[in-house]
PDB file of N, CA and C in Angstrom:
ATOM      1  N   SER A   1     -15.684  76.172 -41.157  1.00  0.00           N
ATOM      2  CA  SER A   1     -15.750  75.375 -42.379  1.00  0.00           C
ATOM      3  C   SER A   1     -15.106  74.017 -42.169  1.00  0.00           C
ATOM      4  N   GLY A   2     -15.244  73.154 -43.153  1.00  0.00           N
ATOM      5  CA  GLY A   2     -14.703  71.797 -43.073  1.00  0.00           C
ATOM      6  C   GLY A   2     -13.195  71.759 -42.943  1.00  0.00           C
ATOM      7  N   TRP A   3     -12.529  72.659 -43.690  1.00  0.00           N
ATOM      8  CA  TRP A   3     -11.066  72.706 -43.643  1.00  0.00           C
ATOM      9  C   TRP A   3     -10.553  73.083 -42.265  1.00  0.00           C
ATOM     10  N   PHE A   4     -11.273  73.971 -41.590  1.00  0.00           N
ATOM     11  CA  PHE A   4     -10.863  74.393 -40.250  1.00  0.00           C
ATOM     12  C   PHE A   4     -10.842  73.209 -39.292  1.00  0.00           C
ATOM     13  N   TRP A   5     -11.912  72.405 -39.311  1.00  0.00           N
ATOM     14  CA  TRP A   5     -11.993  71.257 -38.405  1.00  0.00           C
ATOM     15  C   TRP A   5     -10.978  70.186 -38.770  1.00  0.00           C
ATOM     16  N   CYS A   6     -10.716  70.038 -40.061  1.00  0.00           N
ATOM     17  CA  CYS A   6      -9.694  69.089 -40.518  1.00  0.00           C
ATOM     18  C   CYS A   6      -8.324  69.502 -39.995  1.00  0.00           C
ATOM     19  N   ASP A   7      -8.007  70.790 -40.151  1.00  0.00           N
ATOM     20  CA  ASP A   7      -6.737  71.322 -39.641  1.00  0.00           C
ATOM     21  C   ASP A   7      -6.676  71.254 -38.120  1.00  0.00           C
ATOM     22  N   LEU A   8      -7.828  71.424 -37.475  1.00  0.00           N
ATOM     23  CA  LEU A   8      -7.884  71.374 -36.014  1.00  0.00           C
ATOM     24  C   LEU A   8      -7.542  69.977 -35.501  1.00  0.00           C
ATOM     25  N   LEU A   9      -8.027  68.949 -36.196  1.00  0.00           N
ATOM     26  CA  LEU A   9      -7.699  67.569 -35.836  1.00  0.00           C
ATOM     27  C   LEU A   9      -6.209  67.302 -36.013  1.00  0.00           C
ATOM     28  N   VAL A  10      -5.646  67.838 -37.095  1.00  0.00           N
ATOM     29  CA  VAL A  10      -4.206  67.710 -37.326  1.00  0.00           C
ATOM     30  C   VAL A  10      -3.427  68.430 -36.227  1.00  0.00           C
ATOM     31  N   LEU A  11      -3.922  69.604 -35.848  1.00  0.00           N
ATOM     32  CA  LEU A  11      -3.287  70.390 -34.786  1.00  0.00           C
ATOM     33  C   LEU A  11      -3.299  69.638 -33.463  1.00  0.00           C
ATOM     34  N   LEU A  12      -4.430  69.046 -33.121  1.00  0.00           N
ATOM     35  CA  LEU A  12      -4.530  68.270 -31.884  1.00  0.00           C
ATOM     36  C   LEU A  12      -3.592  67.070 -31.921  1.00  0.00           C
ATOM     37  N   ASN A  13      -3.433  66.486 -33.114  1.00  0.00           N
ATOM     38  CA  ASN A  13      -2.503  65.376 -33.303  1.00  0.00           C
ATOM     39  C   ASN A  13      -1.074  65.813 -32.994  1.00  0.00           C
ATOM     40  N   TYR A  14      -0.714  67.025 -33.426  1.00  0.00           N
ATOM     41  CA  TYR A  14       0.638  67.530 -33.217  1.00  0.00           C
ATOM     42  C   TYR A  14       0.854  68.195 -31.865  1.00  0.00           C
ATOM     43  N   LEU A  15      -0.226  68.482 -31.135  1.00  0.00           N
ATOM     44  CA  LEU A  15      -0.069  69.067 -29.801  1.00  0.00           C
ATOM     45  C   LEU A  15       0.714  68.139 -28.876  1.00  0.00           C
ATOM     46  N   LEU A  16       0.575  66.827 -29.096  1.00  0.00           N
ATOM     47  CA  LEU A  16       1.361  65.848 -28.344  1.00  0.00           C
ATOM     48  C   LEU A  16       2.848  66.077 -28.571  1.00  0.00           C
ATOM     49  N   PHE A  17       3.228  66.287 -29.848  1.00  0.00           N
ATOM     50  CA  PHE A  17       4.620  66.562 -30.181  1.00  0.00           C
ATOM     51  C   PHE A  17       5.062  67.918 -29.642  1.00  0.00           C
ATOM     52  N   MET A  18       4.112  68.869 -29.606  1.00  0.00           N
ATOM     53  CA  MET A  18       4.394  70.185 -29.026  1.00  0.00           C
ATOM     54  C   MET A  18       4.752  70.043 -27.547  1.00  0.00           C
ATOM     55  N   LEU A  19       3.988  69.208 -26.832  1.00  0.00           N
ATOM     56  CA  LEU A  19       4.250  68.966 -25.412  1.00  0.00           C
ATOM     57  C   LEU A  19       5.605  68.300 -25.213  1.00  0.00           C
ATOM     58  N   LEU A  20       5.916  67.328 -26.074  1.00  0.00           N
ATOM     59  CA  LEU A  20       7.225  66.682 -26.032  1.00  0.00           C
ATOM     60  C   LEU A  20       8.327  67.702 -26.297  1.00  0.00           C
ATOM     61  N   PHE A  21       8.060  68.584 -27.269  1.00  0.00           N
ATOM     62  CA  PHE A  21       8.988  69.657 -27.621  1.00  0.00           C
ATOM     63  C   PHE A  21       9.278  70.543 -26.409  1.00  0.00           C
ATOM     64  N   LEU A  22       8.222  70.925 -25.685  1.00  0.00           N
ATOM     65  CA  LEU A  22       8.373  71.780 -24.506  1.00  0.00           C
ATOM     66  C   LEU A  22       9.080  71.060 -23.363  1.00  0.00           C
ATOM     67  N   LEU A  23       8.892  69.746 -23.278  1.00  0.00           N
ATOM     68  CA  LEU A  23       9.576  68.962 -22.251  1.00  0.00           C
ATOM     69  C   LEU A  23      11.055  68.800 -22.569  1.00  0.00           C
ATOM     70  N   ILE A  24      11.370  68.663 -23.863  1.00  0.00           N
ATOM     71  CA  ILE A  24      12.752  68.462 -24.289  1.00  0.00           C
ATOM     72  C   ILE A  24      13.539  69.771 -24.271  1.00  0.00           C
ATOM     73  N   LEU A  25      12.861  70.876 -24.602  1.00  0.00           N
ATOM     74  CA  LEU A  25      13.509  72.186 -24.763  1.00  0.00           C
ATOM     75  C   LEU A  25      14.451  72.599 -23.626  1.00  0.00           C
ATOM     76  N   PRO A  26      14.044  72.492 -22.338  1.00  0.00           N
ATOM     77  CA  PRO A  26      14.947  72.935 -21.272  1.00  0.00           C
ATOM     78  C   PRO A  26      16.210  72.088 -21.125  1.00  0.00           C
ATOM     79  N   PHE A  27      16.174  70.846 -21.634  1.00  0.00           N
ATOM     80  CA  PHE A  27      17.281  69.918 -21.402  1.00  0.00           C
ATOM     81  C   PHE A  27      18.238  69.798 -22.579  1.00  0.00           C
ATOM     82  N   SER A  28      17.968  70.536 -23.662  1.00  0.00           N
ATOM     83  CA  SER A  28      18.818  70.400 -24.845  1.00  0.00           C
ATOM     84  C   SER A  28      18.891  71.701 -25.628  1.00  0.00           C
ATOM     85  N   GLY A  29      19.787  71.730 -26.604  1.00  0.00           N
ATOM     86  CA  GLY A  29      19.920  72.901 -27.474  1.00  0.00           C
ATOM     87  C   GLY A  29      18.755  73.002 -28.437  1.00  0.00           C
ATOM     88  N   SER A  30      18.543  74.197 -28.945  1.00  0.00           N
ATOM     89  CA  SER A  30      17.428  74.434 -29.859  1.00  0.00           C
ATOM     90  C   SER A  30      17.592  73.650 -31.161  1.00  0.00           C
ATOM     91  N   HIS A  31      18.845  73.392 -31.580  1.00  0.00           N
ATOM     92  CA  HIS A  31      19.082  72.635 -32.810  1.00  0.00           C
ATOM     93  C   HIS A  31      18.609  71.189 -32.677  1.00  0.00           C
ATOM     94  N   ILE A  32      18.677  70.651 -31.444  1.00  0.00           N
ATOM     95  CA  ILE A  32      18.221  69.281 -31.191  1.00  0.00           C
ATOM     96  C   ILE A  32      16.700  69.212 -31.272  1.00  0.00           C
ATOM     97  N   THR A  33      16.028  70.183 -30.676  1.00  0.00           N
ATOM     98  CA  THR A  33      14.568  70.206 -30.700  1.00  0.00           C
ATOM     99  C   THR A  33      14.053  70.466 -32.111  1.00  0.00           C
ATOM    100  N   PHE A  34      14.772  71.315 -32.868  1.00  0.00           N
ATOM    101  CA  PHE A  34      14.389  71.604 -34.252  1.00  0.00           C
ATOM    102  C   PHE A  34      14.524  70.353 -35.110  1.00  0.00           C
ATOM    103  N   SER A  35      15.619  69.613 -34.926  1.00  0.00           N
ATOM    104  CA  SER A  35      15.824  68.373 -35.672  1.00  0.00           C
ATOM    105  C   SER A  35      14.807  67.313 -35.257  1.00  0.00           C
ATOM    106  N   PHE A  36      14.382  67.353 -33.995  1.00  0.00           N
ATOM    107  CA  PHE A  36      13.333  66.461 -33.504  1.00  0.00           C
ATOM    108  C   PHE A  36      12.032  66.706 -34.257  1.00  0.00           C
ATOM    109  N   PHE A  37      11.692  68.001 -34.437  1.00  0.00           N
ATOM    110  CA  PHE A  37      10.487  68.360 -35.181  1.00  0.00           C
ATOM    111  C   PHE A  37      10.604  67.970 -36.646  1.00  0.00           C
ATOM    112  N   LEU A  38      11.783  68.177 -37.227  1.00  0.00           N
ATOM    113  CA  LEU A  38      12.009  67.781 -38.616  1.00  0.00           C
ATOM    114  C   LEU A  38      11.841  66.276 -38.776  1.00  0.00           C
ATOM    115  N   LEU A  39      12.302  65.518 -37.794  1.00  0.00           N
ATOM    116  CA  LEU A  39      12.149  64.068 -37.803  1.00  0.00           C
ATOM    117  C   LEU A  39      10.683  63.670 -37.802  1.00  0.00           C
ATOM    118  N   MET A  40       9.877  64.346 -36.979  1.00  0.00           N
ATOM    119  CA  MET A  40       8.440  64.075 -36.919  1.00  0.00           C
ATOM    120  C   MET A  40       7.774  64.340 -38.268  1.00  0.00           C
ATOM    121  N   PHE A  41       8.201  65.408 -38.943  1.00  0.00           N
ATOM    122  CA  PHE A  41       7.620  65.744 -40.241  1.00  0.00           C
ATOM    123  C   PHE A  41       8.085  64.780 -41.323  1.00  0.00           C
ATOM    124  N   LYS A  42       9.311  64.263 -41.203  1.00  0.00           N
ATOM    125  CA  LYS A  42       9.803  63.259 -42.149  1.00  0.00           C
ATOM    126  C   LYS A  42       9.036  61.956 -41.990  1.00  0.00           C
ATOM    127  N   ILE A  43       8.710  61.604 -40.747  1.00  0.00           N
ATOM    128  CA  ILE A  43       7.901  60.416 -40.471  1.00  0.00           C
ATOM    129  C   ILE A  43       6.520  60.562 -41.104  1.00  0.00           C
ATOM    130  N   LYS A  44       5.944  61.761 -40.987  1.00  0.00           N
ATOM    131  CA  LYS A  44       4.618  62.032 -41.551  1.00  0.00           C
ATOM    132  C   LYS A  44       4.674  62.362 -43.047  1.00  0.00           C
ATOM    133  N   LYS A  45       5.889  62.410 -43.613  1.00  0.00           N
ATOM    134  CA  LYS A  45       6.112  62.703 -45.025  1.00  0.00           C
ATOM    135  C   LYS A  45       5.533  64.067 -45.445  1.00  0.00           C
ATOM    136  N   ILE A  46       5.816  65.075 -44.642  1.00  0.00           N
ATOM    137  CA  ILE A  46       5.393  66.439 -44.943  1.00  0.00           C
ATOM    138  C   ILE A  46       6.620  67.216 -45.424  1.00  0.00           C
ATOM    139  N   PRO A  47       6.532  67.886 -46.578  1.00  0.00           N
ATOM    140  CA  PRO A  47       7.686  68.640 -47.083  1.00  0.00           C
ATOM    141  C   PRO A  47       8.060  69.813 -46.181  1.00  0.00           C
ATOM    142  N   PHE A  48       9.300  70.274 -46.312  1.00  0.00           N
ATOM    143  CA  PHE A  48       9.824  71.317 -45.423  1.00  0.00           C
ATOM    144  C   PHE A  48       9.077  72.642 -45.564  1.00  0.00           C
ATOM    145  N   SER A  49       8.638  72.979 -46.790  1.00  0.00           N
ATOM    146  CA  SER A  49       7.878  74.218 -47.002  1.00  0.00           C
ATOM    147  C   SER A  49       6.576  74.193 -46.202  1.00  0.00           C
ATOM    148  N   SER A  50       5.955  73.023 -46.141  1.00  0.00           N
ATOM    149  CA  SER A  50       4.738  72.861 -45.345  1.00  0.00           C
ATOM    150  C   SER A  50       5.047  72.903 -43.850  1.00  0.00           C
ATOM    151  N   PHE A  51       6.272  72.514 -43.493  1.00  0.00           N
ATOM    152  CA  PHE A  51       6.702  72.523 -42.095  1.00  0.00           C
ATOM    153  C   PHE A  51       6.601  73.926 -41.504  1.00  0.00           C
ATOM    154  N   LEU A  52       7.144  74.916 -42.209  1.00  0.00           N
ATOM    155  CA  LEU A  52       7.102  76.304 -41.741  1.00  0.00           C
ATOM    156  C   LEU A  52       5.687  76.857 -41.778  1.00  0.00           C
ATOM    157  N   LEU A  53       4.948  76.521 -42.848  1.00  0.00           N
ATOM    158  CA  LEU A  53       3.564  76.964 -42.989  1.00  0.00           C
ATOM    159  C   LEU A  53       2.707  76.371 -41.879  1.00  0.00           C
ATOM    160  N   TYR A  54       2.916  75.090 -41.601  1.00  0.00           N
ATOM    161  CA  TYR A  54       2.159  74.428 -40.534  1.00  0.00           C
ATOM    162  C   TYR A  54       2.457  75.060 -39.174  1.00  0.00           C
ATOM    163  N   PHE A  55       3.724  75.364 -38.946  1.00  0.00           N
ATOM    164  CA  PHE A  55       4.125  75.978 -37.682  1.00  0.00           C
ATOM    165  C   PHE A  55       3.384  77.292 -37.458  1.00  0.00           C
ATOM    166  N   LEU A  56       3.286  78.098 -38.520  1.00  0.00           N
ATOM    167  CA  LEU A  56       2.579  79.371 -38.459  1.00  0.00           C
ATOM    168  C   LEU A  56       1.088  79.157 -38.234  1.00  0.00           C
ATOM    169  N   LYS A  57       0.494  78.231 -38.994  1.00  0.00           N
ATOM    170  CA  LYS A  57      -0.932  77.946 -38.878  1.00  0.00           C
ATOM    171  C   LYS A  57      -1.285  77.402 -37.499  1.00  0.00           C
ATOM    172  N   SER A  58      -0.476  76.483 -37.003  1.00  0.00           N
ATOM    173  CA  SER A  58      -0.741  75.882 -35.695  1.00  0.00           C
ATOM    174  C   SER A  58      -0.630  76.925 -34.581  1.00  0.00           C
ATOM    175  N   PHE A  59       0.316  77.846 -34.731  1.00  0.00           N
ATOM    176  CA  PHE A  59       0.471  78.928 -33.757  1.00  0.00           C
ATOM    177  C   PHE A  59      -0.767  79.822 -33.743  1.00  0.00           C
ATOM    178  N   ILE A  60      -1.269  80.172 -34.937  1.00  0.00           N
ATOM    179  CA  ILE A  60      -2.473  81.011 -35.058  1.00  0.00           C
ATOM    180  C   ILE A  60      -3.682  80.293 -34.465  1.00  0.00           C
ATOM    181  N   TYR A  61      -3.866  79.015 -34.820  1.00  0.00           N
ATOM    182  CA  TYR A  61      -4.989  78.237 -34.298  1.00  0.00           C
ATOM    183  C   TYR A  61      -4.906  78.092 -32.782  1.00  0.00           C
ATOM    184  N   PHE A  62      -3.686  77.885 -32.285  1.00  0.00           N
ATOM    185  CA  PHE A  62      -3.481  77.762 -30.846  1.00  0.00           C
ATOM    186  C   PHE A  62      -3.886  79.049 -30.132  1.00  0.00           C
ATOM    187  N   LYS A  63      -3.526  80.195 -30.720  1.00  0.00           N
ATOM    188  CA  LYS A  63      -3.914  81.493 -30.172  1.00  0.00           C
ATOM    189  C   LYS A  63      -5.436  81.660 -30.177  1.00  0.00           C
ATOM    190  N   ILE A  64      -6.079  81.226 -31.266  1.00  0.00           N
ATOM    191  CA  ILE A  64      -7.545  81.309 -31.381  1.00  0.00           C
ATOM    192  C   ILE A  64      -8.208  80.453 -30.307  1.00  0.00           C
ATOM    193  N   ILE A  65      -7.714  79.216 -30.148  1.00  0.00           N
ATOM    194  CA  ILE A  65      -8.276  78.287 -29.164  1.00  0.00           C
ATOM    195  C   ILE A  65      -8.135  78.857 -27.751  1.00  0.00           C
ATOM    196  N   VAL A  66      -6.951  79.372 -27.428  1.00  0.00           N
ATOM    197  CA  VAL A  66      -6.705  79.970 -26.112  1.00  0.00           C
ATOM    198  C   VAL A  66      -7.612  81.176 -25.892  1.00  0.00           C
ATOM    199  N   PHE A  67      -7.750  82.011 -26.926  1.00  0.00           N
ATOM    200  CA  PHE A  67      -8.607  83.197 -26.852  1.00  0.00           C
ATOM    201  C   PHE A  67     -10.060  82.810 -26.582  1.00  0.00           C
ATOM    202  N   VAL A  68     -10.548  81.787 -27.288  1.00  0.00           N
ATOM    203  CA  VAL A  68     -11.928  81.308 -27.112  1.00  0.00           C
ATOM    204  C   VAL A  68     -12.127  80.749 -25.702  1.00  0.00           C
ATOM    205  N   LEU A  69     -11.168  79.958 -25.233  1.00  0.00           N
ATOM    206  CA  LEU A  69     -11.254  79.377 -23.889  1.00  0.00           C
ATOM    207  C   LEU A  69     -11.236  80.455 -22.810  1.00  0.00           C
ATOM    208  N   VAL A  70     -10.405  81.472 -22.991  1.00  0.00           N
ATOM    209  CA  VAL A  70     -10.336  82.575 -22.024  1.00  0.00           C
ATOM    210  C   VAL A  70     -11.649  83.355 -22.008  1.00  0.00           C
ATOM    211  N   LYS A  71     -12.233  83.559 -23.194  1.00  0.00           N
ATOM    212  CA  LYS A  71     -13.513  84.275 -23.288  1.00  0.00           C
ATOM    213  C   LYS A  71     -14.646  83.499 -22.613  1.00  0.00           C
ATOM    214  N   ARG A  72     -14.574  82.165 -22.674  1.00  0.00           N
ATOM    215  CA  ARG A  72     -15.611  81.313 -22.068  1.00  0.00           C
ATOM    216  C   ARG A  72     -15.591  81.407 -20.548  1.00  0.00           C
ATOM    217  N   LEU A  73     -14.407  81.571 -19.978  1.00  0.00           N
ATOM    218  CA  LEU A  73     -14.270  81.607 -18.513  1.00  0.00           C
ATOM    219  C   LEU A  73     -14.786  82.904 -17.907  1.00  0.00           C
TER     220      LEU A  73
END
C-alpha cells in the first residue's frame, strides 16, 4: 500500500543514522548513542512516543527487507 512505501522511504532515510549508530556504538556508552538518536528525532521534530513506535516499525521493516532479500538469493 501507499503507506508502506512512504514508511519505507522514511526508513531508508534513517538507515544512514542507523549506520552511524552502529559505528558509534563500539566506541561509546549506550546512553551516548541513545541521546544521539534522541537528538536526530528532535532535529526532525518527532515526538518521543513516535520515537519508540518508529524504532519498532523500522526493526520490523528491516526484518522484512532482509527476509525478502534472503529469499531472492
